[in-house]
Amino acid sequence: MGGPAPGARRLLPRHSYVLTFRHYVSGDSCHGIVEFTTEQVARLRPGQVWADGRAMSPGAFERLARDAC
């Protein structure tokens, strides 16, 4: 199978998206699922990230990820 199709990538209005990830290092694992809509992303202020169903600062995200993994 080939890679992604060439061209610009953009989120479509009024759509929901799901992003999953897994990370394995030396027997330790971390995985997560992020669900979001284009409207939620559009409401983020500069510097905010979307995680755990809400907008937060990068520092809050780092704490959340550290505690979860």
C-alpha atoms as a PDB file:
ATOM      1  CA  MET A   1       0.000   0.000   0.000  1.00  0.00           C
ATOM      2  CA  GLY A   2       1.182   3.490  -0.716  1.00  0.00           C
ATOM      3  CA  GLY A   3       1.414   6.461   1.598  1.00  0.00           C
ATOM      4  CA  PRO A   4      -1.087   9.267   1.948  1.00  0.00           C
ATOM      5  CA  ALA A   5      -2.330  10.988  -1.161  1.00  0.00           C
ATOM      6  CA  PRO A   6      -0.389  14.139  -2.079  1.00  0.00           C
ATOM      7  CA  GLY A   7      -1.836  17.574  -1.467  1.00  0.00           C
ATOM      8  CA  ALA A   8      -3.023  19.786   1.342  1.00  0.00           C
ATOM      9  CA  ARG A   9      -4.626  18.252   4.431  1.00  0.00           C
ATOM     10  CA  ARG A  10      -7.372  20.039   6.304  1.00  0.00           C
ATOM     11  CA  LEU A  11     -10.127  19.237   8.732  1.00  0.00           C
ATOM     12  CA  LEU A  12     -13.612  19.409   7.289  1.00  0.00           C
ATOM     13  CA  PRO A  13     -16.290  21.567   8.964  1.00  0.00           C
ATOM     14  CA  ARG A  14     -18.933  19.778  11.043  1.00  0.00           C
ATOM     15  CA  HIS A  15     -16.951  16.535  11.204  1.00  0.00           C
ATOM     16  CA  SER A  16     -15.758  14.514  14.186  1.00  0.00           C
ATOM     17  CA  TYR A  17     -12.277  13.018  14.287  1.00  0.00           C
ATOM     18  CA  VAL A  18     -10.592  10.317  16.356  1.00  0.00           C
ATOM     19  CA  LEU A  19      -6.825  10.103  16.806  1.00  0.00           C
ATOM     20  CA  THR A  20      -5.277   7.042  18.450  1.00  0.00           C
ATOM     21  CA  PHE A  21      -1.677   6.492  19.450  1.00  0.00           C
ATOM     22  CA  ARG A  22       0.472   3.815  21.046  1.00  0.00           C
ATOM     23  CA  HIS A  23       4.021   4.117  22.325  1.00  0.00           C
ATOM     24  CA  TYR A  24       6.172   1.220  23.519  1.00  0.00           C
ATOM     25  CA  VAL A  25       9.626   1.685  25.038  1.00  0.00           C
ATOM     26  CA  SER A  26      11.528  -1.000  26.957  1.00  0.00           C
ATOM     27  CA  GLY A  27       8.378  -2.785  28.078  1.00  0.00           C
ATOM     28  CA  ASP A  28       6.608   0.415  29.106  1.00  0.00           C
ATOM     29  CA  SER A  29       3.571   1.319  27.098  1.00  0.00           C
ATOM     30  CA  CYS A  30       1.294   4.277  26.727  1.00  0.00           C
ATOM     31  CA  HIS A  31      -1.721   4.651  24.513  1.00  0.00           C
ATOM     32  CA  GLY A  32      -4.500   7.117  24.068  1.00  0.00           C
ATOM     33  CA  ILE A  33      -7.499   8.195  22.086  1.00  0.00           C
ATOM     34  CA  VAL A  34      -8.379  11.809  21.333  1.00  0.00           C
ATOM     35  CA  GLU A  35     -11.809  12.649  19.951  1.00  0.00           C
ATOM     36  CA  PHE A  36     -12.551  16.143  18.678  1.00  0.00           C
ATOM     37  CA  THR A  37     -14.631  18.180  16.277  1.00  0.00           C
ATOM     38  CA  THR A  38     -13.522  20.965  13.988  1.00  0.00           C
ATOM     39  CA  GLU A  39     -15.591  23.377  16.082  1.00  0.00           C
ATOM     40  CA  GLN A  40     -13.665  22.431  19.245  1.00  0.00           C
ATOM     41  CA  VAL A  41     -10.342  22.945  17.482  1.00  0.00           C
ATOM     42  CA  ALA A  42     -11.495  26.312  16.124  1.00  0.00           C
ATOM     43  CA  ARG A  43     -12.264  27.523  19.672  1.00  0.00           C
ATOM     44  CA  LEU A  44      -8.751  26.789  20.965  1.00  0.00           C
ATOM     45  CA  ARG A  45      -6.844  29.913  21.951  1.00  0.00           C
ATOM     46  CA  PRO A  46      -3.222  30.295  20.824  1.00  0.00           C
ATOM     47  CA  GLY A  47      -1.031  27.923  22.819  1.00  0.00           C
ATOM     48  CA  GLN A  48      -3.869  25.641  23.936  1.00  0.00           C
ATOM     49  CA  VAL A  49      -4.144  21.937  23.156  1.00  0.00           C
ATOM     50  CA  TRP A  50      -7.169  19.602  23.149  1.00  0.00           C
ATOM     51  CA  ALA A  51      -6.947  16.556  25.409  1.00  0.00           C
ATOM     52  CA  ASP A  52      -9.190  14.597  27.747  1.00  0.00           C
ATOM     53  CA  GLY A  53     -12.253  16.242  26.211  1.00  0.00           C
ATOM     54  CA  ARG A  54     -11.203  19.824  26.985  1.00  0.00           C
ATOM     55  CA  ALA A  55      -8.869  22.683  26.105  1.00  0.00           C
ATOM     56  CA  MET A  56      -5.770  23.020  28.265  1.00  0.00           C
ATOM     57  CA  SER A  57      -2.312  24.526  28.421  1.00  0.00           C
ATOM     58  CA  PRO A  58       0.685  22.519  27.223  1.00  0.00           C
ATOM     59  CA  GLY A  59       1.856  22.242  30.856  1.00  0.00           C
ATOM     60  CA  ALA A  60      -1.484  20.793  31.955  1.00  0.00           C
ATOM     61  CA  PHE A  61      -1.289  18.337  29.059  1.00  0.00           C
ATOM     62  CA  GLU A  62       2.227  17.262  30.092  1.00  0.00           C
ATOM     63  CA  ARG A  63       1.011  16.593  33.648  1.00  0.00           C
ATOM     64  CA  LEU A  64      -2.001  14.674  32.357  1.00  0.00           C
ATOM     65  CA  ALA A  65       0.175  12.567  30.052  1.00  0.00           C
ATOM     66  CA  ARG A  66       2.778  11.911  32.760  1.00  0.00           C
ATOM     67  CA  ASP A  67       0.086  10.762  35.187  1.00  0.00           C
ATOM     68  CA  ALA A  68      -1.638   8.607  32.549  1.00  0.00           C
ATOM     69  CA  CYS A  69       1.490   6.892  31.297  1.00  0.00           C
END
